[in-house]
Each structure stands twice: as C-alpha cells, then as structure tokens.
Amino acid sequence: MLREAWTLAIETLSWIELQRMGERLALARAASQLEIFDSKAIGLAHRMVSETLRRKNFIDFLLNSALAPRSLSDFKLGPQAFLRLFLYEAKIVDSDFEKAVNIVRMGRSILGWQELQEVEEVLGGILSIQLGSVLKGIDDLRKVGLLTYHPTWFVKYCFRLFGRKDALTFLENAAEIPPTYVRINTLRASEEKLLKKIEDDKIVLEKVQQLKHTYRVVESKIPLVRTQSFRKGLFYIQDKASCLAAEIEDPEAGTTVLDVCAAPGAKTSYLAQLMENDGTIYSVDYSKRRMMVWKEEIRRMGVKIASPIIANARKPLPLNLSADLVILDPPCSSTGTFSKTPSAKWRLTKRSILGMAKVQWEILHQCADYTKEGGFLVYSTCSITTEENETLIGKFLKWHPDFKMVETSPKIGLPGLHGQIKSQRLYPHLHNCNGFFITKLQKET
C-alpha cells in the first residue's frame, strides 16, 4: 500500500506541475492512469500531496539551496516530485535517517535507479540543511512568505489589507484545515430521524448553534462519501460559510429563484430544502461537466423544483425571467480556501485576481436584469480580496442605484470592509470555516 501511495503521489504532483490542475483532479487522473483503486493508498497519497503543496514555496526554497548551483527545474518531473515529497516526509515530518533511507529505496523502485541517480547525491545535503543559515539575508516579506507558506505577493497584499499584526495571525493560521461540516437534508425526513440514521453510520456530529441544519463532523469511521447516509442523500458535505450564505438568502416557499453559477449543487439543494420543495429554481452554469454532477446531486438530495440551464452567465441568459431571489456565487480566486486547495496558492497572481473580478463584474451586472422590483440579489465568494468583493459591490451600486444593501442575518462573520458593514466576512482562523464574503442587495420598487 505504501509503495502505491508514493507512486500515486509522484504522478499526481507531476500532473499538477505539467497541467497546472487542482490536486483532486490530478489525483483522480493519476489513480485512473495507474489503475490504483485502494482507498487507503489514495487517501495517503492525497495527504502527502496536499501537505507537500501546502509548503511548496518553502520546500522548493530548501531544495534549491541544497541543489545549488543547479535548481529543481533542471530535473525531470518525476525526480522533482520525488524530491519535494522526500523533503516533506524526511525533513519536515520526521528526520529519522532510517526512514529517509527506506524512502530512497522506494524512490528507486518507482522511478528506476537511472532516473533517480542524478539527485541521490544531494539527498544527504537536504537532510543536513539548517533553516537559520539559509534564511539569512532574506527580506522580510519573502521570509514571512516562506515561513507561513504563502507567495510573497499575497503576504504583501495581506499586510496592506489587514495591517502587519492581523495579517501575520491570518497567514500563520492559514495552514490549519478547517473542520468538515455537513448540512442535514430535511427533504428526506425530519432532522431527528436523519440524525439517528447518520449516527448508525458511526458518524459523530456537533450542532453549529447559529445555523439551522449545519453540523461539524467530530468523527467518522469511514470517509463520509462511502456511508449509506451520504448515498441516500441524508446530508450534504457543505462548509459552514456556504450554509450561512443560503440562510442569508432566506428563500420563501412558492417563490421563483435564479441560482447563477449553480454547479455542483450545494446552493440549489439547500435553497430547495429551505423552500420545502415548493416554488421554482432555475440553476445556471456554463460547464456541461459540472452540470452532470449537479444533476446527480439534485437527484441524490431529493430536489423536485430545480431546472438546469447550461449557459454563459456573462451574457444575457436564454430566460424571460423576473426572480424574487437571484443568487450569485461566481468563480473566484479561492483565497479563502487555500488550506483546503493549497495548489491554488501557486497558480494565482495579483493579475489573476483582477481577471477574476472582471468576470465577476460581467456576471453580476447581468444578474441585475433578472431581479424583480422588491426582490433580492445575494452575492458571495470564497475570497478575502476586496477587488472581488467590496470594490465590486461598490461599483455595482453606483451603476445600479435602484439597488440598496440590506442586513445579512444570521450574524456570524465580521462586518465587510470599505464601510459595507451590512455585509459579512468570515476568516478561517476566526470562524473555523472557509474565508468568505456575503452581501445582500434589494432592488427598490
């Protein structure tokens, strides 16, 4: 099992480096390619890949120090991936020499001795690296980035946004993975009955008191997605911040809702639950692949009132619609979910945030036309940047003076920035969930 996990981890990191894809997609592709289906091996590989990626800049910095005058990029993808995993497992996790020797032997058996030969001579040097000496002379921003595992540009951004003290607290805690949350699906039965059935699956839950149907997962004997409760749609794995957004949206039974960027279905299924399957939901997404997942999730959760529409929301939709409630959770930089998707840290730049904000603006601008007078438009992202949140909403309100910001309830997060105190911001280190922004607008009559 251990050899399979290492083989899978090396291949997954190679795919990520080659295609700049997310870790979950890369892992699935590697497992299929290598025909590795052992859940324990896949789980171990996922942990190794995620924890290595979480520290990628720090790991690469140490490797390049040991490899000088050569650098990591001088080697093929296989040896690159092995070196990163080796440093994480043999230097960061455990500095046991015997363990390091066994890892090298396994690396030879996976990659072949010829492929690994040219890097073996530096492995001893990697183990003997002294952190204090290699960090001498490094400027403050870069040093903070290395020690908190963040790109230098993002450290600078956070210093400017929060101030140095609060930024350091945020960055230092960003490697901590927030708890897993589930939302109990009362479309299937009463919450009391559902909790009993879920308990029978050896899942231990703890209620999130501020929210209606959200629970923190305390313990599960097997992966949640492999339980009978999950397969029968008794719960949805959904972050606390996303559940908060749905409750702020507060859809009434019998109303018409437009859910934009709806896949993979978390929002649609919770909206239908809050509406008690009474009303109409139009769920729009541009991705056929993601909408296939949406259809499966809607079926699993017992939703009866949602209709899928594949369309580009940056342009006018193929709908003649005036909705009571429009929901927009657009593609974003995911800066609030770096702990769960660490590969995203290394794909992003400040320029890509501005590119995201442009896409978000185009979609948000379109959404105004589908909100009825007196109706509501709720905008949310899993990003902490102002460009994708407060700046965008401020621009929207100037372009659409018939909209006004209203209170968001229940209150869990902190007030929004730039004076937008009716909005809410959530942070991983403060709220034990994804970083998130939510605002609610009403179209005046």
Protein backbone atom coordinates (compact mmCIF):
# COMPACT_ATOMS: atom_id res chain seq x y z
CA MET A 1 0.00 0.00 0.00
CA LEU A 2 2.83 2.42 0.87
CA ARG A 3 4.55 1.93 -2.50
CA GLU A 4 1.24 2.50 -4.31
CA ALA A 5 0.68 5.71 -2.32
CA TRP A 6 4.16 7.04 -3.19
CA THR A 7 3.74 6.09 -6.85
CA LEU A 8 0.41 7.89 -6.94
CA ALA A 9 1.75 10.95 -5.11
CA ILE A 10 4.71 11.31 -7.50
CA GLU A 11 2.43 11.01 -10.54
CA THR A 12 -0.12 13.46 -9.08
CA LEU A 13 2.49 16.13 -8.38
CA SER A 14 3.85 15.63 -11.89
CA TRP A 15 0.38 16.21 -13.40
CA ILE A 16 -0.09 19.33 -11.29
CA GLU A 17 3.25 20.72 -12.44
CA LEU A 18 2.61 19.84 -16.08
CA GLN A 19 -1.04 20.89 -16.43
CA ARG A 20 -1.48 23.38 -13.52
CA MET A 21 -4.58 21.46 -12.43
CA GLY A 22 -6.07 21.14 -8.96
CA GLU A 23 -4.87 18.37 -6.66
CA ARG A 24 -8.15 16.44 -6.59
CA LEU A 25 -8.46 16.30 -10.37
CA ALA A 26 -4.77 15.42 -10.74
CA LEU A 27 -5.09 12.66 -8.13
CA ALA A 28 -8.15 11.19 -9.86
CA ARG A 29 -6.38 11.25 -13.22
CA ALA A 30 -3.24 9.64 -11.80
CA ALA A 31 -5.22 6.92 -9.99
CA SER A 32 -7.09 6.08 -13.18
CA GLN A 33 -3.92 6.09 -15.27
CA LEU A 34 -2.02 3.87 -12.83
CA GLU A 35 -5.09 1.73 -12.06
CA ILE A 36 -4.67 2.24 -8.32
CA PHE A 37 -8.03 1.88 -6.58
CA ASP A 38 -7.02 1.05 -2.99
CA SER A 39 -8.81 3.72 -0.92
CA LYS A 40 -6.10 3.68 1.77
CA ALA A 41 -3.35 4.25 -0.81
CA ILE A 42 -5.36 7.05 -2.43
CA GLY A 43 -6.04 8.64 0.95
CA LEU A 44 -2.38 8.55 1.95
CA ALA A 45 -1.31 9.93 -1.43
CA HIS A 46 -3.83 12.75 -1.08
CA ARG A 47 -2.44 13.68 2.34
CA MET A 48 1.16 13.61 1.10
CA VAL A 49 0.34 15.68 -1.97
CA SER A 50 -1.75 18.23 -0.07
CA GLU A 51 0.77 18.74 2.72
CA THR A 52 3.66 18.99 0.25
CA LEU A 53 1.77 21.51 -1.89
CA ARG A 54 0.80 23.50 1.21
CA ARG A 55 4.51 24.15 1.80
CA LYS A 56 5.64 24.21 -1.83
CA ASN A 57 7.50 27.54 -1.76
CA PHE A 58 9.32 26.62 1.47
CA ILE A 59 10.17 23.13 0.17
CA ASP A 60 11.40 24.46 -3.17
CA PHE A 61 13.49 27.12 -1.41
CA LEU A 62 15.23 24.49 0.74
CA LEU A 63 15.71 22.16 -2.24
CA ASN A 64 17.24 24.89 -4.40
CA SER A 65 19.57 25.78 -1.52
CA ALA A 66 20.76 22.16 -1.37
CA LEU A 67 20.93 21.75 -5.17
CA ALA A 68 22.90 24.96 -5.89
CA PRO A 69 24.35 25.79 -8.37
CA ARG A 70 21.69 23.65 -10.04
CA SER A 71 17.98 24.16 -9.35
CA LEU A 72 14.89 21.98 -9.08
CA SER A 73 13.71 22.98 -12.55
CA ASP A 74 16.82 21.32 -14.07
CA PHE A 75 15.34 17.89 -13.35
CA LYS A 76 12.51 15.90 -14.92
CA LEU A 77 9.04 16.00 -13.38
CA GLY A 78 9.37 12.58 -11.68
CA PRO A 79 12.56 13.39 -9.75
CA GLN A 80 11.19 16.90 -8.98
CA ALA A 81 8.08 15.37 -7.41
CA PHE A 82 10.14 12.78 -5.51
CA LEU A 83 12.47 15.45 -4.09
CA ARG A 84 9.54 17.53 -2.85
CA LEU A 85 7.89 14.53 -1.21
CA PHE A 86 11.24 13.35 0.21
CA LEU A 87 11.97 16.70 1.83
CA TYR A 88 8.49 16.89 3.32
CA GLU A 89 8.48 13.33 4.69
CA ALA A 90 12.15 13.02 5.69
CA LYS A 91 12.88 16.58 6.85
CA ILE A 92 9.63 18.27 7.91
CA VAL A 93 7.53 15.35 9.20
CA ASP A 94 10.29 13.17 10.64
CA SER A 95 14.09 13.50 10.49
CA ASP A 96 14.69 9.79 11.10
CA PHE A 97 17.67 8.64 8.99
CA GLU A 98 16.43 5.06 8.58
CA LYS A 99 13.10 6.34 7.29
CA ALA A 100 14.94 8.53 4.76
CA VAL A 101 16.95 5.53 3.52
CA ASN A 102 13.78 3.49 3.05
CA ILE A 103 12.16 6.35 1.11
CA VAL A 104 15.16 6.49 -1.25
CA ARG A 105 14.94 2.73 -1.84
CA MET A 106 11.26 3.09 -2.64
CA GLY A 107 12.01 6.01 -4.97
CA ARG A 108 14.47 3.84 -6.89
CA SER A 109 11.91 1.06 -7.25
CA ILE A 110 9.27 3.50 -8.54
CA LEU A 111 11.32 5.76 -10.84
CA GLY A 112 14.24 3.44 -11.61
CA TRP A 113 17.81 3.91 -10.39
CA GLN A 114 18.90 5.76 -13.54
CA GLU A 115 16.12 8.35 -13.19
CA LEU A 116 16.96 8.97 -9.54
CA GLN A 117 20.74 8.64 -9.76
CA GLU A 118 21.50 12.27 -10.53
CA VAL A 119 19.61 13.56 -7.48
CA GLU A 120 20.73 10.95 -4.92
CA GLU A 121 23.99 12.76 -4.21
CA VAL A 122 22.12 15.76 -2.78
CA LEU A 123 19.75 13.81 -0.52
CA GLY A 124 22.20 13.86 2.37
CA GLY A 125 22.61 17.60 1.95
CA ILE A 126 18.85 18.03 2.10
CA LEU A 127 18.71 16.28 5.46
CA SER A 128 21.52 18.44 6.88
CA ILE A 129 20.02 21.83 5.89
CA GLN A 130 19.97 24.33 8.77
CA LEU A 131 16.99 26.66 8.43
CA GLY A 132 18.58 29.60 10.23
CA SER A 133 21.57 29.74 7.90
CA VAL A 134 19.63 29.50 4.62
CA LEU A 135 17.22 32.27 5.70
CA LYS A 136 19.99 34.78 6.45
CA GLY A 137 19.76 37.89 4.31
CA ILE A 138 16.21 37.17 3.10
CA ASP A 139 13.98 40.27 3.08
CA ASP A 140 11.04 40.44 5.47
CA LEU A 141 8.18 39.86 3.00
CA ARG A 142 9.84 36.83 1.44
CA LYS A 143 10.79 35.39 4.82
CA VAL A 144 7.20 35.69 6.09
CA GLY A 145 6.01 34.04 2.88
CA LEU A 146 8.43 31.14 3.31
CA LEU A 147 7.63 30.57 6.98
CA THR A 148 3.85 30.81 6.51
CA TYR A 149 3.86 29.03 3.13
CA HIS A 150 2.43 31.86 1.00
CA PRO A 151 3.53 33.67 -2.16
CA THR A 152 5.36 36.92 -1.43
CA TRP A 153 2.79 38.97 -3.39
CA PHE A 154 -0.01 37.57 -1.20
CA VAL A 155 1.88 38.42 2.01
CA LYS A 156 2.28 41.98 0.77
CA TYR A 157 -1.44 42.08 -0.13
CA CYS A 158 -2.48 40.88 3.34
CA PHE A 159 -0.16 43.36 5.09
CA ARG A 160 -1.83 46.18 3.17
CA LEU A 161 -5.35 44.83 3.74
CA PHE A 162 -5.19 43.88 7.44
CA GLY A 163 -2.06 45.55 8.81
CA ARG A 164 1.04 43.56 9.75
CA LYS A 165 -0.15 42.18 13.11
CA ASP A 166 -3.53 40.86 11.95
CA ALA A 167 -2.06 39.70 8.64
CA LEU A 168 0.54 37.59 10.44
CA THR A 169 -2.16 35.98 12.57
CA PHE A 170 -4.18 35.19 9.45
CA LEU A 171 -1.19 33.87 7.48
CA GLU A 172 0.29 31.83 10.33
CA ASN A 173 -3.01 30.04 10.90
CA ALA A 174 -3.90 29.58 7.24
CA ALA A 175 -2.23 26.15 7.08
CA GLU A 176 -4.75 24.81 9.62
CA ILE A 177 -7.50 22.87 7.83
CA PRO A 178 -10.99 23.99 8.96
CA PRO A 179 -13.38 21.33 10.26
CA THR A 180 -15.62 19.40 7.90
CA TYR A 181 -19.28 20.38 8.07
CA VAL A 182 -22.44 18.68 6.82
CA ARG A 183 -25.90 20.05 6.22
CA ILE A 184 -28.73 17.74 7.24
CA ASN A 185 -31.20 17.30 4.38
CA THR A 186 -34.72 17.64 5.78
CA LEU A 187 -36.20 16.96 2.34
CA ARG A 188 -35.60 13.29 3.19
CA ALA A 189 -37.08 13.17 6.71
CA SER A 190 -37.23 15.10 9.97
CA GLU A 191 -33.89 16.22 11.34
CA GLU A 192 -34.33 13.98 14.40
CA LYS A 193 -34.82 10.85 12.27
CA LEU A 194 -31.95 11.76 9.97
CA LEU A 195 -29.55 12.29 12.86
CA LYS A 196 -30.38 8.85 14.22
CA LYS A 197 -29.70 7.19 10.83
CA ILE A 198 -26.46 9.14 10.43
CA GLU A 199 -25.41 8.08 13.93
CA ASP A 200 -25.98 4.45 12.88
CA ASP A 201 -23.26 5.03 10.25
CA LYS A 202 -20.80 5.75 13.09
CA ILE A 203 -20.69 9.46 12.28
CA VAL A 204 -20.39 11.81 15.28
CA LEU A 205 -21.76 15.32 14.72
CA GLU A 206 -21.87 18.55 16.72
CA LYS A 207 -24.52 21.21 16.02
CA VAL A 208 -23.47 24.64 14.77
CA GLN A 209 -25.72 26.66 17.02
CA GLN A 210 -26.12 29.77 14.84
CA LEU A 211 -27.37 27.82 11.80
CA LYS A 212 -30.47 25.72 11.16
CA HIS A 213 -29.24 22.42 9.79
CA THR A 214 -25.42 22.59 9.92
CA TYR A 215 -23.21 20.25 11.94
CA ARG A 216 -19.48 19.89 12.45
CA VAL A 217 -18.13 16.40 11.84
CA VAL A 218 -16.42 15.28 15.03
CA GLU A 219 -15.64 11.73 13.90
CA SER A 220 -16.38 9.29 11.10
CA LYS A 221 -15.12 5.71 10.99
CA ILE A 222 -15.05 5.69 7.15
CA PRO A 223 -14.99 8.51 4.56
CA LEU A 224 -18.32 10.35 4.56
CA VAL A 225 -18.93 9.75 0.85
CA ARG A 226 -18.78 5.98 1.38
CA THR A 227 -21.53 5.90 4.03
CA GLN A 228 -25.11 4.80 3.37
CA SER A 229 -26.32 8.11 4.80
CA PHE A 230 -24.44 10.04 2.13
CA ARG A 231 -25.56 7.78 -0.71
CA LYS A 232 -29.20 8.16 0.37
CA GLY A 233 -28.92 11.97 0.44
CA LEU A 234 -29.40 12.36 4.18
CA PHE A 235 -26.71 15.04 4.29
CA TYR A 236 -24.61 17.26 2.04
CA ILE A 237 -20.93 17.96 2.76
CA GLN A 238 -21.01 21.76 2.82
CA ASP A 239 -18.84 24.32 4.56
CA LYS A 240 -20.34 26.42 7.34
CA ALA A 241 -19.80 29.64 5.38
CA SER A 242 -21.72 28.29 2.38
CA CYS A 243 -24.59 27.20 4.65
CA LEU A 244 -24.64 30.70 6.16
CA ALA A 245 -24.95 32.20 2.68
CA ALA A 246 -28.03 30.07 1.94
CA GLU A 247 -29.70 31.11 5.20
CA ILE A 248 -28.96 34.76 4.47
CA GLU A 249 -30.62 34.24 1.08
CA ASP A 250 -33.70 33.04 3.01
CA PRO A 251 -35.87 31.91 0.09
CA GLU A 252 -39.60 31.62 0.77
CA ALA A 253 -41.74 28.68 -0.32
CA GLY A 254 -43.56 29.25 -3.58
CA THR A 255 -41.15 31.88 -4.92
CA THR A 256 -39.00 31.97 -8.06
CA VAL A 257 -35.22 31.73 -7.58
CA LEU A 258 -32.39 32.13 -10.08
CA ASP A 259 -29.22 30.33 -8.96
CA VAL A 260 -26.29 31.53 -11.11
CA CYS A 261 -23.04 29.52 -11.26
CA ALA A 262 -25.04 26.74 -9.62
CA ALA A 263 -22.91 23.62 -10.08
CA PRO A 264 -22.13 21.34 -8.34
CA GLY A 265 -25.42 21.81 -6.47
CA ALA A 266 -24.79 22.80 -2.85
CA LYS A 267 -26.69 26.07 -3.16
CA THR A 268 -29.55 24.71 -5.26
CA SER A 269 -30.19 21.79 -2.94
CA TYR A 270 -30.16 23.95 0.19
CA LEU A 271 -32.44 26.55 -1.42
CA ALA A 272 -34.91 23.78 -2.30
CA GLN A 273 -34.70 22.49 1.27
CA LEU A 274 -35.42 25.92 2.75
CA MET A 275 -38.32 26.28 0.28
CA GLU A 276 -39.62 22.82 1.26
CA ASN A 277 -39.61 21.83 -2.43
CA ASP A 278 -42.29 24.44 -3.14
CA GLY A 279 -41.56 27.01 -5.84
CA THR A 280 -39.20 27.18 -8.82
CA ILE A 281 -35.42 27.28 -9.03
CA TYR A 282 -33.58 27.93 -12.30
CA SER A 283 -29.97 26.76 -11.92
CA VAL A 284 -27.49 28.15 -14.43
CA ASP A 285 -23.92 27.04 -15.09
CA TYR A 286 -21.69 27.18 -18.18
CA SER A 287 -19.99 23.80 -17.64
CA LYS A 288 -21.65 20.67 -19.04
CA ARG A 289 -19.32 18.51 -16.94
CA ARG A 290 -20.18 20.33 -13.73
CA MET A 291 -23.89 20.26 -14.54
CA MET A 292 -23.72 16.49 -14.85
CA VAL A 293 -22.51 16.48 -11.24
CA TRP A 294 -25.31 18.97 -10.38
CA LYS A 295 -27.94 16.60 -11.80
CA GLU A 296 -26.63 13.69 -9.73
CA GLU A 297 -26.53 15.77 -6.56
CA ILE A 298 -30.04 17.13 -7.11
CA ARG A 299 -31.31 13.58 -7.57
CA ARG A 300 -29.44 12.32 -4.50
CA MET A 301 -30.83 15.12 -2.32
CA GLY A 302 -34.45 14.69 -3.47
CA VAL A 303 -34.86 18.13 -5.04
CA LYS A 304 -38.02 18.39 -7.19
CA ILE A 305 -38.24 22.09 -8.09
CA ALA A 306 -34.93 22.84 -9.85
CA SER A 307 -34.35 23.10 -13.61
CA PRO A 308 -30.81 23.04 -15.09
CA ILE A 309 -29.76 25.59 -17.71
CA ILE A 310 -26.36 25.45 -19.41
CA ALA A 311 -25.47 29.00 -20.36
CA ASN A 312 -22.72 31.62 -20.08
CA ALA A 313 -23.91 33.99 -17.36
CA ARG A 314 -21.54 36.71 -18.61
CA LYS A 315 -24.05 37.23 -21.41
CA PRO A 316 -27.86 37.58 -21.43
CA LEU A 317 -29.47 34.31 -20.38
CA PRO A 318 -31.98 32.38 -22.51
CA LEU A 319 -34.67 33.26 -19.96
CA ASN A 320 -37.53 35.71 -19.79
CA LEU A 321 -37.46 35.91 -16.03
CA SER A 322 -38.07 38.25 -13.13
CA ALA A 323 -36.97 36.39 -10.00
CA ASP A 324 -37.85 37.01 -6.38
CA LEU A 325 -34.31 36.00 -5.46
CA VAL A 326 -31.12 35.87 -7.53
CA ILE A 327 -28.10 34.03 -6.10
CA LEU A 328 -24.59 34.55 -7.43
CA ASP A 329 -21.57 32.64 -6.12
CA PRO A 330 -19.22 33.21 -9.10
CA PRO A 331 -15.83 31.69 -9.91
CA CYS A 332 -13.27 33.41 -7.69
CA SER A 333 -9.63 33.34 -6.64
CA SER A 334 -10.46 30.99 -3.71
CA THR A 335 -8.09 32.90 -1.43
CA GLY A 336 -10.35 31.90 1.46
CA THR A 337 -9.83 28.17 0.80
CA PHE A 338 -6.04 27.92 0.49
CA SER A 339 -5.99 25.46 3.40
CA LYS A 340 -8.27 23.05 1.50
CA THR A 341 -6.93 23.67 -2.01
CA PRO A 342 -3.24 24.52 -1.47
CA SER A 343 -2.33 24.19 -5.16
CA ALA A 344 -4.41 27.32 -5.83
CA LYS A 345 -1.85 29.44 -3.95
CA TRP A 346 0.82 28.80 -6.53
CA ARG A 347 -1.39 29.30 -9.61
CA LEU A 348 -2.60 32.74 -8.56
CA THR A 349 -1.08 36.16 -9.10
CA LYS A 350 -2.35 39.65 -8.36
CA ARG A 351 -3.14 39.92 -12.06
CA SER A 352 -5.35 36.80 -11.91
CA ILE A 353 -7.40 38.37 -9.10
CA LEU A 354 -8.10 41.36 -11.32
CA GLY A 355 -9.05 38.96 -14.12
CA MET A 356 -11.48 37.18 -11.79
CA ALA A 357 -13.00 40.50 -10.73
CA LYS A 358 -13.66 41.35 -14.38
CA VAL A 359 -15.54 38.05 -14.92
CA GLN A 360 -17.47 38.52 -11.67
CA TRP A 361 -18.48 42.03 -12.69
CA GLU A 362 -19.83 40.87 -16.03
CA ILE A 363 -21.97 38.20 -14.35
CA LEU A 364 -23.15 40.44 -11.51
CA HIS A 365 -24.08 43.19 -13.97
CA GLN A 366 -26.24 40.70 -15.90
CA CYS A 367 -27.93 39.47 -12.70
CA ALA A 368 -29.47 42.89 -12.07
CA ASP A 369 -31.78 42.44 -15.06
CA TYR A 370 -33.29 39.24 -13.64
CA THR A 371 -34.11 40.60 -10.17
CA LYS A 372 -37.71 41.75 -9.78
CA GLU A 373 -38.63 45.02 -8.07
CA GLY A 374 -38.63 44.37 -4.35
CA GLY A 375 -36.61 41.20 -4.93
CA PHE A 376 -33.16 40.32 -3.60
CA LEU A 377 -29.73 39.70 -5.12
CA VAL A 378 -27.23 37.85 -2.90
CA TYR A 379 -23.56 37.83 -3.88
CA SER A 380 -20.90 35.67 -2.22
CA THR A 381 -17.36 34.42 -2.84
CA CYS A 382 -14.83 32.25 -1.02
CA SER A 383 -12.25 35.02 -1.47
CA ILE A 384 -10.85 37.53 1.03
CA THR A 385 -9.76 40.10 -1.59
CA THR A 386 -11.55 43.44 -1.78
CA GLU A 387 -11.31 43.53 -5.59
CA GLU A 388 -13.66 40.55 -5.83
CA ASN A 389 -15.93 41.72 -3.03
CA GLU A 390 -16.42 45.24 -1.60
CA THR A 391 -14.87 47.06 -4.57
CA LEU A 392 -17.10 45.11 -6.95
CA ILE A 393 -20.25 45.72 -4.89
CA GLY A 394 -19.44 49.43 -4.58
CA LYS A 395 -19.15 49.64 -8.36
CA PHE A 396 -22.41 47.71 -8.80
CA LEU A 397 -24.34 50.08 -6.52
CA LYS A 398 -23.06 53.08 -8.50
CA TRP A 399 -24.12 51.52 -11.80
CA HIS A 400 -27.44 50.29 -10.35
CA PRO A 401 -28.79 52.97 -7.98
CA ASP A 402 -32.11 51.08 -7.80
CA PHE A 403 -30.37 48.52 -5.56
CA LYS A 404 -29.56 49.03 -1.89
CA MET A 405 -27.58 46.97 0.61
CA VAL A 406 -29.63 45.30 3.36
CA GLU A 407 -28.78 43.48 6.58
CA THR A 408 -27.47 39.92 6.44
CA SER A 409 -28.76 37.52 9.07
CA PRO A 410 -27.85 35.35 10.94
CA LYS A 411 -24.73 37.21 12.03
CA ILE A 412 -21.65 35.02 12.28
CA GLY A 413 -18.90 36.91 10.46
CA LEU A 414 -17.28 40.32 10.79
CA PRO A 415 -18.63 43.41 9.00
CA GLY A 416 -17.48 43.98 5.43
CA LEU A 417 -14.70 46.47 4.65
CA HIS A 418 -14.92 49.85 2.89
CA GLY A 419 -17.87 50.83 5.10
CA GLN A 420 -20.03 47.95 3.89
CA ILE A 421 -20.95 46.96 7.44
CA LYS A 422 -24.16 45.16 6.43
CA SER A 423 -22.07 42.59 4.53
CA GLN A 424 -20.25 39.76 6.29
CA ARG A 425 -16.70 38.47 6.10
CA LEU A 426 -15.59 35.13 7.52
CA TYR A 427 -11.98 34.07 8.08
CA PRO A 428 -10.60 30.55 8.63
CA HIS A 429 -8.61 31.46 11.75
CA LEU A 430 -11.54 33.27 13.39
CA HIS A 431 -14.60 31.32 12.28
CA ASN A 432 -13.29 27.77 11.67
CA CYS A 433 -14.54 27.68 8.09
CA ASN A 434 -13.60 28.86 4.62
CA GLY A 435 -12.79 32.52 4.14
CA PHE A 436 -15.97 34.04 2.71
CA PHE A 437 -17.75 37.26 1.76
CA ILE A 438 -21.56 37.65 1.61
CA THR A 439 -23.67 40.67 0.78
CA LYS A 440 -27.42 41.05 0.22
CA LEU A 441 -28.95 43.67 -2.07
CA GLN A 442 -32.58 44.62 -2.62
CA LYS A 443 -33.99 46.10 -5.79
CA GLU A 444 -36.20 49.02 -4.83
CA THR A 445 -39.74 49.34 -6.14
